[in-house]
């Protein structure tokens, strides 16, 4: 009998319903960890009850001038947040590139997950909403 190799699971934060059972879908392995990273990075300090230090101050930094200095501070904030709150992840490479024309930062992150083979690369944009 094959052993289940799924190590990590979480609920889908989009609350997508399973078409057969109607239950909330699960995120497993890499998608679960990517969702966790997204939750950590988009949660401000003092936003989570009883855990004032959880999350990062990325949103605050997005209202600063777009330059290499702010990109460097964003880099440190992302590294510290993931190091402190996502022990399953080891960041291998993190690039934060300011896009002056579009007024946002492009983030390219490569990380490895404990007990799962191969690195994972995710790309996303950081931009202010207001």
Protein backbone atom coordinates (compact mmCIF):
# COMPACT_ATOMS: atom_id res chain seq x y z
CA UNK A 1 0.00 0.00 0.00
CA UNK A 2 1.59 3.33 -1.02
CA UNK A 3 2.23 5.77 1.73
CA UNK A 4 0.77 9.24 1.41
CA UNK A 5 3.65 11.63 0.73
CA UNK A 6 1.73 14.85 1.41
CA UNK A 7 3.36 16.48 4.37
CA UNK A 8 1.69 19.88 4.68
CA UNK A 9 -1.94 20.89 4.27
CA UNK A 10 -4.11 23.89 5.02
CA UNK A 11 -7.54 25.19 4.06
CA UNK A 12 -7.86 27.27 0.90
CA UNK A 13 -8.11 30.90 1.99
CA UNK A 14 -10.25 31.64 -1.09
CA UNK A 15 -12.84 29.31 0.48
CA UNK A 16 -13.34 27.45 -2.77
CA UNK A 17 -15.96 24.74 -2.36
CA UNK A 18 -15.32 21.15 -3.38
CA UNK A 19 -17.72 20.47 -6.28
CA UNK A 20 -18.60 17.00 -4.98
CA UNK A 21 -18.81 17.37 -1.20
CA UNK A 22 -19.33 21.12 -0.84
CA UNK A 23 -16.56 21.29 1.79
CA UNK A 24 -13.77 23.86 1.64
CA UNK A 25 -10.90 22.72 -0.57
CA UNK A 26 -7.44 21.97 0.86
CA UNK A 27 -4.09 23.35 -0.16
CA UNK A 28 -1.31 20.79 0.06
CA UNK A 29 2.50 20.84 0.10
CA UNK A 30 3.97 23.70 -1.97
CA UNK A 31 0.71 25.57 -2.46
CA UNK A 32 0.04 25.40 1.29
CA UNK A 33 3.44 26.88 2.05
CA UNK A 34 3.09 29.58 -0.62
CA UNK A 35 -0.25 30.56 0.93
CA UNK A 36 1.38 30.69 4.35
CA UNK A 37 4.16 32.95 3.05
CA UNK A 38 1.57 35.23 1.49
CA UNK A 39 -0.37 35.42 4.76
CA UNK A 40 2.76 36.26 6.74
CA UNK A 41 3.90 38.96 4.33
CA UNK A 42 0.48 40.63 4.01
CA UNK A 43 -0.27 40.68 7.75
CA UNK A 44 0.73 43.90 9.50
CA UNK A 45 2.17 43.99 12.99
CA UNK A 46 -0.58 44.34 15.63
CA UNK A 47 -3.17 42.98 13.20
CA UNK A 48 -3.38 39.49 14.68
CA UNK A 49 -4.98 39.37 18.15
CA UNK A 50 -2.64 38.34 20.97
CA UNK A 51 0.33 38.16 18.56
CA UNK A 52 1.38 41.80 18.02
CA UNK A 53 4.75 40.87 16.53
CA UNK A 54 3.36 38.43 13.91
CA UNK A 55 3.63 39.42 10.25
CA UNK A 56 5.66 42.11 8.55
CA UNK A 57 5.62 45.84 7.96
CA UNK A 58 5.72 45.55 4.19
CA UNK A 59 2.58 47.61 3.60
CA UNK A 60 4.08 50.53 5.51
CA UNK A 61 7.19 50.42 3.33
CA UNK A 62 5.18 50.53 0.11
CA UNK A 63 4.28 54.16 0.82
CA UNK A 64 7.95 55.18 0.85
CA UNK A 65 9.75 56.36 -2.26
CA UNK A 66 10.48 53.59 -4.75
CA UNK A 67 14.25 53.26 -4.70
CA UNK A 68 17.03 50.78 -3.99
CA UNK A 69 17.20 51.72 -0.31
CA UNK A 70 13.54 50.84 0.27
CA UNK A 71 14.05 47.64 -1.78
CA UNK A 72 16.88 46.70 0.57
CA UNK A 73 14.69 47.30 3.62
CA UNK A 74 11.91 45.22 2.01
CA UNK A 75 14.43 42.43 1.44
CA UNK A 76 15.38 42.38 5.12
CA UNK A 77 11.75 42.56 6.25
CA UNK A 78 10.76 39.61 4.03
CA UNK A 79 13.75 37.53 5.13
CA UNK A 80 13.15 38.22 8.84
CA UNK A 81 9.41 37.54 8.65
CA UNK A 82 9.82 34.23 6.87
CA UNK A 83 12.71 33.19 9.11
CA UNK A 84 10.68 33.94 12.25
CA UNK A 85 7.25 32.62 11.27
CA UNK A 86 7.72 29.95 8.59
CA UNK A 87 10.28 27.41 9.86
CA UNK A 88 9.58 25.02 6.95
CA UNK A 89 11.15 27.43 4.44
CA UNK A 90 14.76 28.29 3.68
CA UNK A 91 15.18 31.24 1.31
CA UNK A 92 17.82 30.48 -1.30
CA UNK A 93 17.50 33.64 -3.40
CA UNK A 94 15.49 36.84 -3.02
CA UNK A 95 15.48 39.65 -5.55
CA UNK A 96 13.44 42.81 -5.12
CA UNK A 97 13.48 45.02 -8.18
CA UNK A 98 11.94 48.51 -8.16
CA UNK A 99 9.75 49.25 -11.18
CA UNK A 100 9.75 53.04 -11.35
CA UNK A 101 7.31 53.31 -14.26
CA UNK A 102 4.58 51.17 -12.68
CA UNK A 103 5.29 52.30 -9.11
CA UNK A 104 5.73 48.81 -7.63
CA UNK A 105 8.36 46.24 -6.71
CA UNK A 106 8.84 42.94 -8.48
CA UNK A 107 9.79 40.17 -6.05
CA UNK A 108 11.45 36.96 -7.25
CA UNK A 109 11.96 34.45 -4.45
CA UNK A 110 13.44 30.97 -4.61
CA UNK A 111 13.10 28.84 -1.52
CA UNK A 112 13.41 25.24 -0.49
CA UNK A 113 11.02 23.40 1.78
CA UNK A 114 12.14 21.05 4.52
CA UNK A 115 11.34 17.41 3.61
CA UNK A 116 10.28 18.23 0.03
CA UNK A 117 12.54 17.89 -2.99
CA UNK A 118 13.67 20.77 -5.14
CA UNK A 119 13.49 24.53 -4.81
CA UNK A 120 10.36 26.55 -5.53
CA UNK A 121 10.32 29.92 -7.29
CA UNK A 122 7.52 32.41 -6.81
CA UNK A 123 7.16 35.81 -8.42
CA UNK A 124 4.84 38.55 -7.25
CA UNK A 125 4.39 42.31 -7.20
CA UNK A 126 4.29 44.58 -4.19
CA UNK A 127 2.35 47.77 -4.76
CA UNK A 128 0.34 50.13 -2.66
CA UNK A 129 -3.40 49.91 -2.91
CA UNK A 130 -4.48 53.38 -1.84
